[in-house]
Amino acid sequence: NTTPHHTTTLQSQSNMSAGNVSKKRKFVADGVFYAELNELLNRELAEGGYSGVEVRNAPMKTEIIIRAAQPTKVLGEKGRRIRELTHIVQRRFNFDEGTVELYAERVLTRGLSAHAQAESIKFKLLAGVAVRRAAYGVVKFVMESGAKGCEVIVSGKLRAQRAKAMKFQEGYMIKTGQAAVDYVDKATRHVMMRQGVLGVKVAIMMDHDPEGKRGPKKPLSDIVTIHEVKPDAVIPAAAAAPAAQMVAPAAPMQPAADAVPAALPAY
């Protein structure tokens, strides 16, 4: 039983493979593919610390790199789980046999992954930990991991019947502009509690990293670096000696004392 949305996605995938699709349709199909894939992996690999996915389109096959805090849970026993996920993705998105491969990659710093921290808060709340304690614990861990700033928002029926939102902040956080896209990692989770659904939002602002491992390579646009003035080059004495021995230019000739000045023109 395929829904119209399902059929459209499959048709887009088949058209993309055929190569007869416009750029606009290709970008839309790629976006839908990424959104559905991210949702699928988020549901399946939540307990494995799922932190995002990257899709690389090679000439002969499509490579999907799954970033997780615990890659062993993504792979499963003897690679069983990753093979199941590969088969699901292959059938769902109409890939040919052997044209899609899934890989698991460990997140270098778990404290800088908003997805991993949102999952952490989710499991703490389900275990009955108080909201303040869970949120402050995550904020402290994120800041100790080298983040520039962290913000956690928990909203819903926290204690009483009246819904409210609680915000926990620390450090520096950019909200707008291209820097917010490059530097801030965001994640949202829904926690099915007994009294209702709680919403958890986590935003982590990373620091600049020239190597691009723990943060973006591109520096912030409002950071101005003033370099030290270079001192003037000192000419060594050996090189200055020949210049001193140069012959001084001849002085201009003075007119003789008995020379008769030229007559002035008559007006």
Protein backbone atom coordinates (compact mmCIF):
# COMPACT_ATOMS: atom_id res chain seq x y z
CA ASN A 1 0.00 0.00 0.00
CA THR A 2 1.88 3.02 -1.30
CA THR A 3 0.65 6.50 -0.49
CA PRO A 4 0.79 9.25 -3.20
CA HIS A 5 3.70 10.83 -1.31
CA HIS A 6 5.49 7.47 -1.26
CA THR A 7 4.91 7.00 -5.00
CA THR A 8 6.15 10.52 -5.78
CA THR A 9 9.37 9.92 -3.87
CA LEU A 10 9.98 6.62 -5.61
CA GLN A 11 9.29 8.18 -9.01
CA SER A 12 11.70 11.01 -8.19
CA GLN A 13 14.38 8.51 -7.23
CA SER A 14 13.90 6.51 -10.43
CA ASN A 15 13.91 9.68 -12.55
CA MET A 16 17.09 10.85 -10.84
CA SER A 17 18.75 7.54 -11.64
CA ALA A 18 17.62 7.85 -15.25
CA GLY A 19 19.22 11.29 -15.45
CA ASN A 20 16.25 13.02 -17.14
CA VAL A 21 15.17 15.32 -14.32
CA SER A 22 15.34 19.09 -13.98
CA LYS A 23 17.53 20.74 -11.37
CA LYS A 24 14.54 22.00 -9.41
CA ARG A 25 12.99 18.54 -9.14
CA LYS A 26 16.34 17.01 -8.26
CA PHE A 27 16.90 19.38 -5.34
CA VAL A 28 13.35 18.77 -4.06
CA ALA A 29 13.77 14.99 -4.38
CA ASP A 30 17.16 15.13 -2.59
CA GLY A 31 15.62 17.15 0.24
CA VAL A 32 12.69 14.76 0.66
CA PHE A 33 15.07 11.78 0.57
CA TYR A 34 17.30 13.30 3.25
CA ALA A 35 14.34 14.26 5.49
CA GLU A 36 12.76 10.79 5.33
CA LEU A 37 16.12 9.05 5.83
CA ASN A 38 16.93 11.25 8.83
CA GLU A 39 13.52 10.54 10.38
CA LEU A 40 13.90 6.78 9.85
CA LEU A 41 17.39 6.62 11.38
CA ASN A 42 16.36 8.93 14.22
CA ARG A 43 13.60 6.52 15.24
CA GLU A 44 15.62 3.34 14.75
CA LEU A 45 18.94 4.45 16.28
CA ALA A 46 17.86 6.80 19.08
CA GLU A 47 19.36 4.63 21.82
CA GLY A 48 22.64 4.37 19.91
CA GLY A 49 23.20 8.12 20.21
CA TYR A 50 22.25 8.97 16.61
CA SER A 51 23.71 12.39 15.74
CA GLY A 52 23.02 12.91 12.05
CA VAL A 53 23.51 11.49 8.59
CA GLU A 54 25.52 12.48 5.52
CA VAL A 55 24.68 11.37 1.97
CA ARG A 56 27.48 11.17 -0.61
CA ASN A 57 26.56 10.52 -4.23
CA ALA A 58 29.40 8.63 -5.90
CA PRO A 59 29.28 7.81 -9.66
CA MET A 60 28.38 4.14 -9.20
CA LYS A 61 26.73 4.06 -5.74
CA THR A 62 25.28 6.16 -2.93
CA GLU A 63 27.15 6.21 0.38
CA ILE A 64 25.24 7.01 3.59
CA ILE A 65 27.39 7.84 6.62
CA ILE A 66 25.57 7.55 9.96
CA ARG A 67 27.14 9.55 12.79
CA ALA A 68 26.46 8.13 16.24
CA ALA A 69 27.91 8.29 19.75
CA GLN A 70 27.91 4.46 19.94
CA PRO A 71 28.65 2.99 16.47
CA THR A 72 28.61 -0.57 17.83
CA LYS A 73 24.85 -0.26 18.47
CA VAL A 74 24.39 0.98 14.91
CA LEU A 75 26.32 -1.96 13.46
CA GLY A 76 24.67 -4.56 15.68
CA GLU A 77 25.92 -8.06 16.36
CA LYS A 78 28.24 -9.11 13.50
CA GLY A 79 26.92 -6.19 11.39
CA ARG A 80 23.37 -7.55 11.39
CA ARG A 81 21.61 -4.25 12.16
CA ILE A 82 23.43 -2.20 9.51
CA ARG A 83 22.58 -4.86 6.90
CA GLU A 84 18.90 -4.67 7.90
CA LEU A 85 18.96 -0.87 7.62
CA THR A 86 20.66 -1.11 4.22
CA HIS A 87 17.94 -3.47 2.99
CA ILE A 88 15.17 -1.16 4.34
CA VAL A 89 16.67 1.93 2.64
CA GLN A 90 17.21 0.01 -0.59
CA ARG A 91 13.59 -1.14 -0.78
CA ARG A 92 12.02 2.09 0.49
CA PHE A 93 13.81 4.42 -1.92
CA ASN A 94 13.93 2.05 -4.90
CA PHE A 95 17.71 1.68 -5.13
CA ASP A 96 19.15 -1.06 -7.32
CA GLU A 97 20.93 -3.98 -5.69
CA GLY A 98 24.39 -3.00 -4.45
CA THR A 99 24.04 0.71 -5.30
CA VAL A 100 23.64 1.92 -1.70
CA GLU A 101 25.95 1.36 1.28
CA LEU A 102 25.60 2.40 4.91
CA TYR A 103 28.55 3.19 7.17
CA ALA A 104 28.74 4.03 10.89
CA GLU A 105 31.03 6.80 12.12
CA ARG A 106 31.78 7.74 15.72
CA VAL A 107 31.07 11.31 16.84
CA LEU A 108 34.42 12.79 17.92
CA THR A 109 32.99 14.84 20.80
CA ARG A 110 29.65 13.70 22.12
CA GLY A 111 29.26 16.89 24.15
CA LEU A 112 29.15 18.97 20.95
CA SER A 113 26.33 16.94 19.35
CA ALA A 114 22.89 18.47 19.96
CA HIS A 115 21.15 15.23 18.89
CA ALA A 116 23.05 13.13 21.43
CA GLN A 117 22.34 15.62 24.23
CA ALA A 118 18.65 15.88 23.34
CA GLU A 119 18.41 12.08 23.51
CA SER A 120 20.20 12.17 26.86
CA ILE A 121 17.61 14.61 28.27
CA LYS A 122 14.81 12.51 26.81
CA PHE A 123 15.95 9.30 28.53
CA LYS A 124 16.59 11.15 31.81
CA LEU A 125 13.05 12.57 31.81
CA LEU A 126 11.56 9.16 31.01
CA ALA A 127 13.55 7.73 33.93
CA GLY A 128 11.93 10.24 36.29
CA VAL A 129 14.81 12.71 36.73
CA ALA A 130 13.74 16.28 37.59
CA VAL A 131 13.71 18.69 34.65
CA ARG A 132 16.13 21.18 36.22
CA ARG A 133 18.62 18.50 37.16
CA ALA A 134 18.54 16.88 33.71
CA ALA A 135 18.86 20.20 31.85
CA TYR A 136 21.61 21.69 34.03
CA GLY A 137 23.58 18.43 33.85
CA VAL A 138 23.54 18.56 30.04
CA VAL A 139 24.44 22.28 29.93
CA LYS A 140 27.41 21.69 32.24
CA PHE A 141 28.62 18.69 30.22
CA VAL A 142 28.34 20.62 26.93
CA MET A 143 30.31 23.62 28.24
CA GLU A 144 33.02 21.32 29.66
CA SER A 145 33.33 19.69 26.22
CA GLY A 146 34.53 23.00 24.73
CA ALA A 147 31.34 24.61 23.42
CA LYS A 148 30.99 28.39 23.24
CA GLY A 149 27.38 28.35 24.39
CA CYS A 150 24.45 26.07 25.13
CA GLU A 151 20.68 26.51 25.38
CA VAL A 152 18.11 23.94 26.53
CA ILE A 153 14.35 24.57 26.38
CA VAL A 154 11.88 22.13 27.93
CA SER A 155 8.19 22.91 27.38
CA GLY A 156 4.92 21.23 28.26
CA LYS A 157 3.13 20.12 31.44
CA LEU A 158 6.22 19.95 33.62
CA ARG A 159 4.61 19.73 37.07
CA ALA A 160 1.14 21.22 37.24
CA GLN A 161 -1.66 20.90 34.71
CA ARG A 162 -0.72 24.26 33.24
CA ALA A 163 1.85 24.00 30.46
CA LYS A 164 4.93 26.22 30.58
CA ALA A 165 8.43 26.45 29.15
CA MET A 166 11.76 26.46 31.01
CA LYS A 167 14.91 27.81 29.40
CA PHE A 168 18.46 27.01 30.56
CA GLN A 169 21.32 29.01 29.02
CA GLU A 170 25.05 29.41 29.42
CA GLY A 171 27.76 31.03 27.33
CA TYR A 172 27.48 32.80 23.96
CA MET A 173 24.73 32.00 21.44
CA ILE A 174 24.14 33.49 17.97
CA LYS A 175 20.52 33.46 16.81
CA THR A 176 20.55 34.97 13.31
CA GLY A 177 22.63 35.17 10.15
CA GLN A 178 24.89 32.72 8.38
CA ALA A 179 26.92 32.22 11.57
CA ALA A 180 23.84 30.65 13.21
CA VAL A 181 23.73 28.11 10.36
CA ASP A 182 27.47 27.33 10.45
CA TYR A 183 28.13 27.38 14.18
CA VAL A 184 24.92 26.28 15.95
CA ASP A 185 23.87 22.62 16.09
CA LYS A 186 20.18 22.16 16.95
CA ALA A 187 18.01 19.18 17.84
CA THR A 188 14.39 18.64 18.92
CA ARG A 189 12.87 15.66 20.72
CA HIS A 190 9.35 14.79 21.89
CA VAL A 191 9.08 12.97 25.20
CA MET A 192 5.90 10.93 25.73
CA MET A 193 5.33 11.42 29.44
CA ARG A 194 2.44 10.19 31.51
CA GLN A 195 0.88 13.66 31.89
CA GLY A 196 1.38 14.57 28.21
CA VAL A 197 4.06 15.32 25.63
CA LEU A 198 7.13 17.37 26.57
CA GLY A 199 9.19 19.18 23.96
CA VAL A 200 12.97 19.32 24.30
CA LYS A 201 15.09 21.72 22.24
CA VAL A 202 18.88 21.77 22.45
CA ALA A 203 21.12 24.33 20.72
CA ILE A 204 24.92 24.15 20.98
CA MET A 205 27.21 26.84 19.61
CA MET A 206 30.60 25.42 18.67
CA ASP A 207 33.93 27.20 18.76
CA HIS A 208 36.09 28.01 15.72
CA ASP A 209 38.51 25.21 14.78
CA PRO A 210 41.07 25.81 11.97
CA GLU A 211 41.19 22.04 11.31
CA GLY A 212 37.37 21.73 11.11
CA LYS A 213 37.13 18.76 13.51
CA ARG A 214 35.59 20.24 16.67
CA GLY A 215 33.97 23.22 14.96
CA PRO A 216 33.66 25.16 11.70
CA LYS A 217 36.78 26.14 9.77
CA LYS A 218 35.28 29.44 8.72
CA PRO A 219 35.87 32.15 11.37
CA LEU A 220 33.07 34.37 12.62
CA SER A 221 32.50 37.43 10.45
CA ASP A 222 32.70 39.90 13.35
CA ILE A 223 36.04 38.65 14.67
CA VAL A 224 38.79 41.13 13.70
CA THR A 225 42.38 39.99 14.08
CA ILE A 226 45.03 42.75 14.32
CA HIS A 227 48.44 41.46 13.33
CA GLU A 228 51.68 42.75 14.85
CA VAL A 229 53.58 45.33 12.79
CA LYS A 230 56.64 43.83 11.16
CA PRO A 231 59.90 45.61 12.17
CA ASP A 232 61.97 47.28 9.44
CA ALA A 233 64.69 45.13 7.95
CA VAL A 234 68.18 45.89 9.37
CA ILE A 235 70.91 46.23 6.73
CA PRO A 236 74.07 44.40 7.92
CA ALA A 237 77.33 46.40 8.20
CA ALA A 238 79.09 44.37 5.48
CA ALA A 239 76.44 45.36 2.96
CA ALA A 240 76.45 49.00 4.07
CA ALA A 241 80.26 49.46 3.60
CA PRO A 242 80.28 49.55 -0.25
CA ALA A 243 77.51 52.13 -0.20
CA ALA A 244 79.63 54.45 1.95
CA GLN A 245 82.55 54.18 -0.45
CA MET A 246 80.51 55.42 -3.39
CA VAL A 247 81.90 58.64 -4.99
CA ALA A 248 79.89 61.74 -4.12
CA PRO A 249 78.32 63.48 -7.13
CA ALA A 250 80.20 66.45 -8.55
CA ALA A 251 79.05 69.86 -7.31
CA PRO A 252 77.39 72.15 -9.89
CA MET A 253 79.80 74.60 -11.56
CA GLN A 254 79.75 78.16 -10.19
CA PRO A 255 79.86 81.04 -12.71
CA ALA A 256 83.17 82.88 -13.02
CA ALA A 257 83.59 86.21 -11.15
CA ASP A 258 84.35 88.28 -14.27
CA ALA A 259 81.55 86.88 -16.36
CA VAL A 260 79.26 89.51 -17.86
CA PRO A 261 75.58 88.92 -17.18
CA ALA A 262 73.36 88.72 -20.20
CA ALA A 263 71.47 91.88 -21.11
CA LEU A 264 67.89 91.99 -19.95
CA PRO A 265 65.28 92.17 -22.70
CA ALA A 266 63.77 95.58 -23.38
CA TYR A 267 60.05 96.06 -22.71
